[in-house]
Amino acid sequence: MRTNLCYNMSMQRSMVATDAKETLLDLIDELTIALEDLQKQEIRGELDLYGEGAKAVYVQMLEFIRERWEESEANGLDFNIEERFPI
């Protein structure tokens, strides 16, 4: 296990002992939470151009993880990302 200096999506800086799998799981969680928040804004009609761009990038990042990590479906990405979070 190694210690990385990392930033979470809320921009808090912390020293955390992580491995690659833990990092990917945390990233999936952060991206999914952010996408759910953006979707709520969109439903309320409050999603601006920046939010639309962020949503597209977050969806692309989740798809990238799923394509590259063979354990992704067993670890939470077992759904159609673009269907759940349409862009």
PDB file of N, CA and C in Angstrom:
ATOM      1  N   MET A   1       0.852  -1.176   0.000  1.00  0.00           N
ATOM      2  CA  MET A   1       0.000   0.000   0.000  1.00  0.00           C
ATOM      3  C   MET A   1       0.897   1.237   0.000  1.00  0.00           C
ATOM      4  N   ARG A   2       0.512   2.239  -0.751  1.00  0.00           N
ATOM      5  CA  ARG A   2       1.314   3.447  -0.807  1.00  0.00           C
ATOM      6  C   ARG A   2       0.465   4.630  -0.379  1.00  0.00           C
ATOM      7  N   THR A   3       1.114   5.713  -0.028  1.00  0.00           N
ATOM      8  CA  THR A   3       0.399   6.916   0.380  1.00  0.00           C
ATOM      9  C   THR A   3       0.443   7.916  -0.759  1.00  0.00           C
ATOM     10  N   ASN A   4      -0.700   8.417  -1.134  1.00  0.00           N
ATOM     11  CA  ASN A   4      -0.809   9.396  -2.208  1.00  0.00           C
ATOM     12  C   ASN A   4      -1.374  10.689  -1.671  1.00  0.00           C
ATOM     13  N   LEU A   5      -0.917  11.781  -2.222  1.00  0.00           N
ATOM     14  CA  LEU A   5      -1.555  13.063  -1.973  1.00  0.00           C
ATOM     15  C   LEU A   5      -2.676  13.153  -2.985  1.00  0.00           C
ATOM     16  N   CYS A   6      -3.919  13.293  -2.519  1.00  0.00           N
ATOM     17  CA  CYS A   6      -5.022  13.277  -3.473  1.00  0.00           C
ATOM     18  C   CYS A   6      -6.018  14.386  -3.168  1.00  0.00           C
ATOM     19  N   TYR A   7      -6.825  14.681  -4.165  1.00  0.00           N
ATOM     20  CA  TYR A   7      -7.895  15.663  -4.057  1.00  0.00           C
ATOM     21  C   TYR A   7      -9.192  14.938  -4.333  1.00  0.00           C
ATOM     22  N   ASN A   8     -10.215  15.167  -3.519  1.00  0.00           N
ATOM     23  CA  ASN A   8     -11.507  14.603  -3.876  1.00  0.00           C
ATOM     24  C   ASN A   8     -12.285  15.659  -4.628  1.00  0.00           C
ATOM     25  N   MET A   9     -13.467  15.306  -5.113  1.00  0.00           N
ATOM     26  CA  MET A   9     -14.226  16.204  -5.976  1.00  0.00           C
ATOM     27  C   MET A   9     -14.633  17.490  -5.263  1.00  0.00           C
ATOM     28  N   SER A  10     -14.670  17.486  -3.953  1.00  0.00           N
ATOM     29  CA  SER A  10     -15.026  18.700  -3.233  1.00  0.00           C
ATOM     30  C   SER A  10     -13.792  19.547  -2.933  1.00  0.00           C
ATOM     31  N   MET A  11     -12.667  19.186  -3.537  1.00  0.00           N
ATOM     32  CA  MET A  11     -11.414  19.944  -3.483  1.00  0.00           C
ATOM     33  C   MET A  11     -10.764  19.954  -2.100  1.00  0.00           C
ATOM     34  N   GLN A  12     -11.052  18.971  -1.271  1.00  0.00           N
ATOM     35  CA  GLN A  12     -10.363  18.859  -0.004  1.00  0.00           C
ATOM     36  C   GLN A  12      -9.074  18.092  -0.241  1.00  0.00           C
ATOM     37  N   ARG A  13      -8.006  18.530   0.387  1.00  0.00           N
ATOM     38  CA  ARG A  13      -6.708  17.899   0.199  1.00  0.00           C
ATOM     39  C   ARG A  13      -6.422  17.028   1.412  1.00  0.00           C
ATOM     40  N   SER A  14      -5.981  15.795   1.176  1.00  0.00           N
ATOM     41  CA  SER A  14      -5.702  14.914   2.294  1.00  0.00           C
ATOM     42  C   SER A  14      -4.658  13.879   1.910  1.00  0.00           C
ATOM     43  N   MET A  15      -3.999  13.335   2.921  1.00  0.00           N
ATOM     44  CA  MET A  15      -3.072  12.226   2.723  1.00  0.00           C
ATOM     45  C   MET A  15      -3.847  10.955   3.028  1.00  0.00           C
ATOM     46  N   VAL A  16      -3.913  10.052   2.057  1.00  0.00           N
ATOM     47  CA  VAL A  16      -4.697   8.842   2.217  1.00  0.00           C
ATOM     48  C   VAL A  16      -3.872   7.663   1.724  1.00  0.00           C
ATOM     49  N   ALA A  17      -3.865   6.593   2.504  1.00  0.00           N
ATOM     50  CA  ALA A  17      -3.205   5.373   2.048  1.00  0.00           C
ATOM     51  C   ALA A  17      -4.186   4.647   1.142  1.00  0.00           C
ATOM     52  N   THR A  18      -3.807   4.470  -0.134  1.00  0.00           N
ATOM     53  CA  THR A  18      -4.708   3.840  -1.092  1.00  0.00           C
ATOM     54  C   THR A  18      -3.939   2.921  -2.024  1.00  0.00           C
ATOM     55  N   ASP A  19      -4.687   2.046  -2.647  1.00  0.00           N
ATOM     56  CA  ASP A  19      -4.140   1.283  -3.757  1.00  0.00           C
ATOM     57  C   ASP A  19      -4.983   1.621  -4.981  1.00  0.00           C
ATOM     58  N   ALA A  20      -4.642   1.070  -6.114  1.00  0.00           N
ATOM     59  CA  ALA A  20      -5.329   1.432  -7.360  1.00  0.00           C
ATOM     60  C   ALA A  20      -6.812   1.094  -7.312  1.00  0.00           C
ATOM     61  N   LYS A  21      -7.166  -0.066  -6.776  1.00  0.00           N
ATOM     62  CA  LYS A  21      -8.569  -0.466  -6.725  1.00  0.00           C
ATOM     63  C   LYS A  21      -9.374   0.493  -5.854  1.00  0.00           C
ATOM     64  N   GLU A  22      -8.856   0.831  -4.676  1.00  0.00           N
ATOM     65  CA  GLU A  22      -9.556   1.775  -3.802  1.00  0.00           C
ATOM     66  C   GLU A  22      -9.723   3.124  -4.483  1.00  0.00           C
ATOM     67  N   THR A  23      -8.704   3.547  -5.194  1.00  0.00           N
ATOM     68  CA  THR A  23      -8.763   4.822  -5.909  1.00  0.00           C
ATOM     69  C   THR A  23      -9.848   4.795  -6.977  1.00  0.00           C
ATOM     70  N   LEU A  24      -9.916   3.720  -7.748  1.00  0.00           N
ATOM     71  CA  LEU A  24     -10.949   3.600  -8.777  1.00  0.00           C
ATOM     72  C   LEU A  24     -12.345   3.555  -8.157  1.00  0.00           C
ATOM     73  N   LEU A  25     -12.509   2.827  -7.066  1.00  0.00           N
ATOM     74  CA  LEU A  25     -13.812   2.762  -6.403  1.00  0.00           C
ATOM     75  C   LEU A  25     -14.233   4.132  -5.890  1.00  0.00           C
ATOM     76  N   ASP A  26     -13.295   4.860  -5.294  1.00  0.00           N
ATOM     77  CA  ASP A  26     -13.593   6.219  -4.814  1.00  0.00           C
ATOM     78  C   ASP A  26     -13.948   7.140  -5.979  1.00  0.00           C
ATOM     79  N   LEU A  27     -13.224   7.023  -7.079  1.00  0.00           N
ATOM     80  CA  LEU A  27     -13.482   7.850  -8.251  1.00  0.00           C
ATOM     81  C   LEU A  27     -14.863   7.550  -8.842  1.00  0.00           C
ATOM     82  N   ILE A  28     -15.209   6.281  -8.935  1.00  0.00           N
ATOM     83  CA  ILE A  28     -16.537   5.898  -9.417  1.00  0.00           C
ATOM     84  C   ILE A  28     -17.614   6.508  -8.527  1.00  0.00           C
ATOM     85  N   ASP A  29     -17.438   6.407  -7.218  1.00  0.00           N
ATOM     86  CA  ASP A  29     -18.413   6.988  -6.283  1.00  0.00           C
ATOM     87  C   ASP A  29     -18.541   8.492  -6.467  1.00  0.00           C
ATOM     88  N   GLU A  30     -17.411   9.190  -6.540  1.00  0.00           N
ATOM     89  CA  GLU A  30     -17.429  10.646  -6.678  1.00  0.00           C
ATOM     90  C   GLU A  30     -18.095  11.064  -7.984  1.00  0.00           C
ATOM     91  N   LEU A  31     -17.768  10.391  -9.067  1.00  0.00           N
ATOM     92  CA  LEU A  31     -18.354  10.727 -10.363  1.00  0.00           C
ATOM     93  C   LEU A  31     -19.855  10.447 -10.383  1.00  0.00           C
ATOM     94  N   THR A  32     -20.255   9.321  -9.809  1.00  0.00           N
ATOM     95  CA  THR A  32     -21.672   8.968  -9.771  1.00  0.00           C
ATOM     96  C   THR A  32     -22.463   9.967  -8.940  1.00  0.00           C
ATOM     97  N   ILE A  33     -21.951  10.352  -7.799  1.00  0.00           N
ATOM     98  CA  ILE A  33     -22.620  11.353  -6.949  1.00  0.00           C
ATOM     99  C   ILE A  33     -22.731  12.684  -7.684  1.00  0.00           C
ATOM    100  N   ALA A  34     -21.653  13.096  -8.337  1.00  0.00           N
ATOM    101  CA  ALA A  34     -21.675  14.358  -9.081  1.00  0.00           C
ATOM    102  C   ALA A  34     -22.694  14.303 -10.213  1.00  0.00           C
ATOM    103  N   LEU A  35     -22.765  13.171 -10.913  1.00  0.00           N
ATOM    104  CA  LEU A  35     -23.727  13.028 -12.002  1.00  0.00           C
ATOM    105  C   LEU A  35     -25.163  13.041 -11.482  1.00  0.00           C
ATOM    106  N   GLU A  36     -25.403  12.416 -10.349  1.00  0.00           N
ATOM    107  CA  GLU A  36     -26.745  12.443  -9.762  1.00  0.00           C
ATOM    108  C   GLU A  36     -27.146  13.868  -9.392  1.00  0.00           C
ATOM    109  N   ASP A  37     -26.209  14.631  -8.840  1.00  0.00           N
ATOM    110  CA  ASP A  37     -26.482  16.035  -8.504  1.00  0.00           C
ATOM    111  C   ASP A  37     -26.775  16.860  -9.760  1.00  0.00           C
ATOM    112  N   LEU A  38     -25.980  16.654 -10.805  1.00  0.00           N
ATOM    113  CA  LEU A  38     -26.205  17.373 -12.058  1.00  0.00           C
ATOM    114  C   LEU A  38     -27.545  16.994 -12.686  1.00  0.00           C
ATOM    115  N   GLN A  39     -27.918  15.733 -12.557  1.00  0.00           N
ATOM    116  CA  GLN A  39     -29.196  15.295 -13.100  1.00  0.00           C
ATOM    117  C   GLN A  39     -30.361  15.974 -12.362  1.00  0.00           C
ATOM    118  N   LYS A  40     -30.233  16.122 -11.051  1.00  0.00           N
ATOM    119  CA  LYS A  40     -31.267  16.819 -10.277  1.00  0.00           C
ATOM    120  C   LYS A  40     -31.387  18.271 -10.724  1.00  0.00           C
ATOM    121  N   GLN A  41     -30.234  18.914 -10.961  1.00  0.00           N
ATOM    122  CA  GLN A  41     -30.253  20.294 -11.452  1.00  0.00           C
ATOM    123  C   GLN A  41     -30.940  20.368 -12.816  1.00  0.00           C
ATOM    124  N   GLU A  42     -30.652  19.393 -13.661  1.00  0.00           N
ATOM    125  CA  GLU A  42     -31.244  19.369 -14.994  1.00  0.00           C
ATOM    126  C   GLU A  42     -32.764  19.213 -14.918  1.00  0.00           C
ATOM    127  N   ILE A  43     -33.237  18.336 -14.042  1.00  0.00           N
ATOM    128  CA  ILE A  43     -34.675  18.121 -13.869  1.00  0.00           C
ATOM    129  C   ILE A  43     -35.357  19.405 -13.401  1.00  0.00           C
ATOM    130  N   ARG A  44     -34.685  20.161 -12.535  1.00  0.00           N
ATOM    131  CA  ARG A  44     -35.242  21.427 -12.035  1.00  0.00           C
ATOM    132  C   ARG A  44     -35.075  22.568 -13.040  1.00  0.00           C
ATOM    133  N   GLY A  45     -34.391  22.316 -14.145  1.00  0.00           N
ATOM    134  CA  GLY A  45     -34.153  23.350 -15.149  1.00  0.00           C
ATOM    135  C   GLY A  45     -33.061  24.316 -14.755  1.00  0.00           C
ATOM    136  N   GLU A  46     -32.168  23.893 -13.872  1.00  0.00           N
ATOM    137  CA  GLU A  46     -31.116  24.762 -13.354  1.00  0.00           C
ATOM    138  C   GLU A  46     -29.723  24.413 -13.893  1.00  0.00           C
ATOM    139  N   LEU A  47     -29.640  23.496 -14.824  1.00  0.00           N
ATOM    140  CA  LEU A  47     -28.332  23.075 -15.332  1.00  0.00           C
ATOM    141  C   LEU A  47     -27.855  24.062 -16.387  1.00  0.00           C
ATOM    142  N   ASP A  48     -26.712  24.698 -16.122  1.00  0.00           N
ATOM    143  CA  ASP A  48     -26.169  25.672 -17.066  1.00  0.00           C
ATOM    144  C   ASP A  48     -25.194  24.981 -18.023  1.00  0.00           C
ATOM    145  N   LEU A  49     -24.595  25.755 -18.896  1.00  0.00           N
ATOM    146  CA  LEU A  49     -23.683  25.221 -19.902  1.00  0.00           C
ATOM    147  C   LEU A  49     -22.486  24.517 -19.258  1.00  0.00           C
ATOM    148  N   TYR A  50     -21.961  25.104 -18.181  1.00  0.00           N
ATOM    149  CA  TYR A  50     -20.844  24.475 -17.469  1.00  0.00           C
ATOM    150  C   TYR A  50     -21.275  23.110 -16.930  1.00  0.00           C
ATOM    151  N   GLY A  51     -22.452  23.026 -16.354  1.00  0.00           N
ATOM    152  CA  GLY A  51     -22.961  21.768 -15.818  1.00  0.00           C
ATOM    153  C   GLY A  51     -23.148  20.721 -16.894  1.00  0.00           C
ATOM    154  N   GLU A  52     -23.628  21.144 -18.060  1.00  0.00           N
ATOM    155  CA  GLU A  52     -23.790  20.211 -19.177  1.00  0.00           C
ATOM    156  C   GLU A  52     -22.434  19.649 -19.607  1.00  0.00           C
ATOM    157  N   GLY A  53     -21.434  20.511 -19.658  1.00  0.00           N
ATOM    158  CA  GLY A  53     -20.090  20.060 -20.024  1.00  0.00           C
ATOM    159  C   GLY A  53     -19.509  19.115 -18.990  1.00  0.00           C
ATOM    160  N   ALA A  54     -19.708  19.446 -17.714  1.00  0.00           N
ATOM    161  CA  ALA A  54     -19.215  18.586 -16.640  1.00  0.00           C
ATOM    162  C   ALA A  54     -19.883  17.223 -16.711  1.00  0.00           C
ATOM    163  N   LYS A  55     -21.179  17.211 -16.957  1.00  0.00           N
ATOM    164  CA  LYS A  55     -21.912  15.955 -17.054  1.00  0.00           C
ATOM    165  C   LYS A  55     -21.341  15.080 -18.175  1.00  0.00           C
ATOM    166  N   ALA A  56     -21.080  15.676 -19.323  1.00  0.00           N
ATOM    167  CA  ALA A  56     -20.515  14.927 -20.443  1.00  0.00           C
ATOM    168  C   ALA A  56     -19.142  14.352 -20.093  1.00  0.00           C
ATOM    169  N   VAL A  57     -18.326  15.133 -19.433  1.00  0.00           N
ATOM    170  CA  VAL A  57     -16.986  14.670 -19.059  1.00  0.00           C
ATOM    171  C   VAL A  57     -17.071  13.545 -18.034  1.00  0.00           C
ATOM    172  N   TYR A  58     -17.942  13.682 -17.032  1.00  0.00           N
ATOM    173  CA  TYR A  58     -18.068  12.648 -16.005  1.00  0.00           C
ATOM    174  C   TYR A  58     -18.565  11.332 -16.605  1.00  0.00           C
ATOM    175  N   VAL A  59     -19.518  11.410 -17.533  1.00  0.00           N
ATOM    176  CA  VAL A  59     -20.001  10.205 -18.213  1.00  0.00           C
ATOM    177  C   VAL A  59     -18.848   9.569 -18.986  1.00  0.00           C
ATOM    178  N   GLN A  60     -18.086  10.382 -19.687  1.00  0.00           N
ATOM    179  CA  GLN A  60     -16.957   9.862 -20.462  1.00  0.00           C
ATOM    180  C   GLN A  60     -15.923   9.209 -19.542  1.00  0.00           C
ATOM    181  N   MET A  61     -15.686   9.796 -18.389  1.00  0.00           N
ATOM    182  CA  MET A  61     -14.721   9.220 -17.448  1.00  0.00           C
ATOM    183  C   MET A  61     -15.190   7.862 -16.932  1.00  0.00           C
ATOM    184  N   LEU A  62     -16.488   7.748 -16.590  1.00  0.00           N
ATOM    185  CA  LEU A  62     -17.010   6.455 -16.143  1.00  0.00           C
ATOM    186  C   LEU A  62     -16.900   5.413 -17.249  1.00  0.00           C
ATOM    187  N   GLU A  63     -17.202   5.800 -18.477  1.00  0.00           N
ATOM    188  CA  GLU A  63     -17.085   4.860 -19.592  1.00  0.00           C
ATOM    189  C   GLU A  63     -15.639   4.434 -19.818  1.00  0.00           C
ATOM    190  N   PHE A  64     -14.721   5.361 -19.660  1.00  0.00           N
ATOM    191  CA  PHE A  64     -13.292   5.055 -19.797  1.00  0.00           C
ATOM    192  C   PHE A  64     -12.866   4.024 -18.749  1.00  0.00           C
ATOM    193  N   ILE A  65     -13.298   4.230 -17.507  1.00  0.00           N
ATOM    194  CA  ILE A  65     -12.952   3.290 -16.438  1.00  0.00           C
ATOM    195  C   ILE A  65     -13.524   1.911 -16.760  1.00  0.00           C
ATOM    196  N   ARG A  66     -14.779   1.877 -17.186  1.00  0.00           N
ATOM    197  CA  ARG A  66     -15.414   0.589 -17.476  1.00  0.00           C
ATOM    198  C   ARG A  66     -14.698  -0.132 -18.619  1.00  0.00           C
ATOM    199  N   GLU A  67     -14.282   0.597 -19.638  1.00  0.00           N
ATOM    200  CA  GLU A  67     -13.591  -0.019 -20.770  1.00  0.00           C
ATOM    201  C   GLU A  67     -12.212  -0.550 -20.397  1.00  0.00           C
ATOM    202  N   ARG A  68     -11.516   0.151 -19.514  1.00  0.00           N
ATOM    203  CA  ARG A  68     -10.132  -0.201 -19.198  1.00  0.00           C
ATOM    204  C   ARG A  68      -9.974  -1.184 -18.035  1.00  0.00           C
ATOM    205  N   TRP A  69     -10.936  -1.183 -17.095  1.00  0.00           N
ATOM    206  CA  TRP A  69     -10.799  -1.986 -15.885  1.00  0.00           C
ATOM    207  C   TRP A  69     -11.719  -3.187 -15.987  1.00  0.00           C
ATOM    208  N   GLU A  70     -11.135  -4.358 -16.130  1.00  0.00           N
ATOM    209  CA  GLU A  70     -11.941  -5.556 -16.337  1.00  0.00           C
ATOM    210  C   GLU A  70     -12.810  -5.919 -15.138  1.00  0.00           C
ATOM    211  N   GLU A  71     -12.530  -5.399 -13.962  1.00  0.00           N
ATOM    212  CA  GLU A  71     -13.333  -5.664 -12.770  1.00  0.00           C
ATOM    213  C   GLU A  71     -14.398  -4.588 -12.533  1.00  0.00           C
ATOM    214  N   SER A  72     -14.571  -3.672 -13.466  1.00  0.00           N
ATOM    215  CA  SER A  72     -15.462  -2.534 -13.240  1.00  0.00           C
ATOM    216  C   SER A  72     -16.913  -2.947 -13.006  1.00  0.00           C
ATOM    217  N   GLU A  73     -17.417  -3.897 -13.784  1.00  0.00           N
ATOM    218  CA  GLU A  73     -18.810  -4.301 -13.627  1.00  0.00           C
ATOM    219  C   GLU A  73     -19.051  -4.960 -12.280  1.00  0.00           C
ATOM    220  N   ALA A  74     -18.091  -5.721 -11.808  1.00  0.00           N
ATOM    221  CA  ALA A  74     -18.212  -6.370 -10.501  1.00  0.00           C
ATOM    222  C   ALA A  74     -18.063  -5.369  -9.358  1.00  0.00           C
ATOM    223  N   ASN A  75     -17.618  -4.158  -9.692  1.00  0.00           N
ATOM    224  CA  ASN A  75     -17.381  -3.138  -8.661  1.00  0.00           C
ATOM    225  C   ASN A  75     -18.235  -1.889  -8.854  1.00  0.00           C
ATOM    226  N   GLY A  76     -19.451  -2.067  -9.388  1.00  0.00           N
ATOM    227  CA  GLY A  76     -20.393  -0.961  -9.406  1.00  0.00           C
ATOM    228  C   GLY A  76     -20.760  -0.380 -10.752  1.00  0.00           C
ATOM    229  N   LEU A  77     -20.012  -0.662 -11.794  1.00  0.00           N
ATOM    230  CA  LEU A  77     -20.346  -0.118 -13.112  1.00  0.00           C
ATOM    231  C   LEU A  77     -21.062  -1.162 -13.961  1.00  0.00           C
ATOM    232  N   ASP A  78     -22.069  -1.771 -13.380  1.00  0.00           N
ATOM    233  CA  ASP A  78     -22.820  -2.835 -14.040  1.00  0.00           C
ATOM    234  C   ASP A  78     -24.136  -2.321 -14.622  1.00  0.00           C
ATOM    235  N   PHE A  79     -24.119  -1.097 -15.114  1.00  0.00           N
ATOM    236  CA  PHE A  79     -25.307  -0.488 -15.702  1.00  0.00           C
ATOM    237  C   PHE A  79     -24.901   0.266 -16.952  1.00  0.00           C
ATOM    238  N   ASN A  80     -25.882   0.601 -17.786  1.00  0.00           N
ATOM    239  CA  ASN A  80     -25.631   1.380 -18.987  1.00  0.00           C
ATOM    240  C   ASN A  80     -25.466   2.847 -18.566  1.00  0.00           C
ATOM    241  N   ILE A  81     -24.260   3.347 -18.634  1.00  0.00           N
ATOM    242  CA  ILE A  81     -23.939   4.676 -18.112  1.00  0.00           C
ATOM    243  C   ILE A  81     -24.701   5.764 -18.870  1.00  0.00           C
ATOM    244  N   GLU A  82     -24.701   5.702 -20.188  1.00  0.00           N
ATOM    245  CA  GLU A  82     -25.382   6.741 -20.966  1.00  0.00           C
ATOM    246  C   GLU A  82     -26.895   6.668 -20.844  1.00  0.00           C
ATOM    247  N   GLU A  83     -27.415   5.492 -20.551  1.00  0.00           N
ATOM    248  CA  GLU A  83     -28.860   5.376 -20.341  1.00  0.00           C
ATOM    249  C   GLU A  83     -29.249   5.977 -18.978  1.00  0.00           C
ATOM    250  N   ARG A  84     -28.434   5.719 -17.983  1.00  0.00           N
ATOM    251  CA  ARG A  84     -28.711   6.251 -16.630  1.00  0.00           C
ATOM    252  C   ARG A  84     -28.453   7.745 -16.545  1.00  0.00           C
ATOM    253  N   PHE A  85     -27.408   8.198 -17.248  1.00  0.00           N
ATOM    254  CA  PHE A  85     -27.029   9.615 -17.240  1.00  0.00           C
ATOM    255  C   PHE A  85     -26.967  10.127 -18.682  1.00  0.00           C
ATOM    256  N   PRO A  86     -28.120  10.320 -19.324  1.00  0.00           N
ATOM    257  CA  PRO A  86     -28.108  10.753 -20.729  1.00  0.00           C
ATOM    258  C   PRO A  86     -27.501  12.140 -20.892  1.00  0.00           C
ATOM    259  N   ILE A  87     -26.730  12.292 -21.960  1.00  0.00           N
ATOM    260  CA  ILE A  87     -26.107  13.593 -22.225  1.00  0.00           C
ATOM    261  C   ILE A  87     -26.594  14.152 -23.541  1.00  0.00           C
TER     262      ILE A  87
END
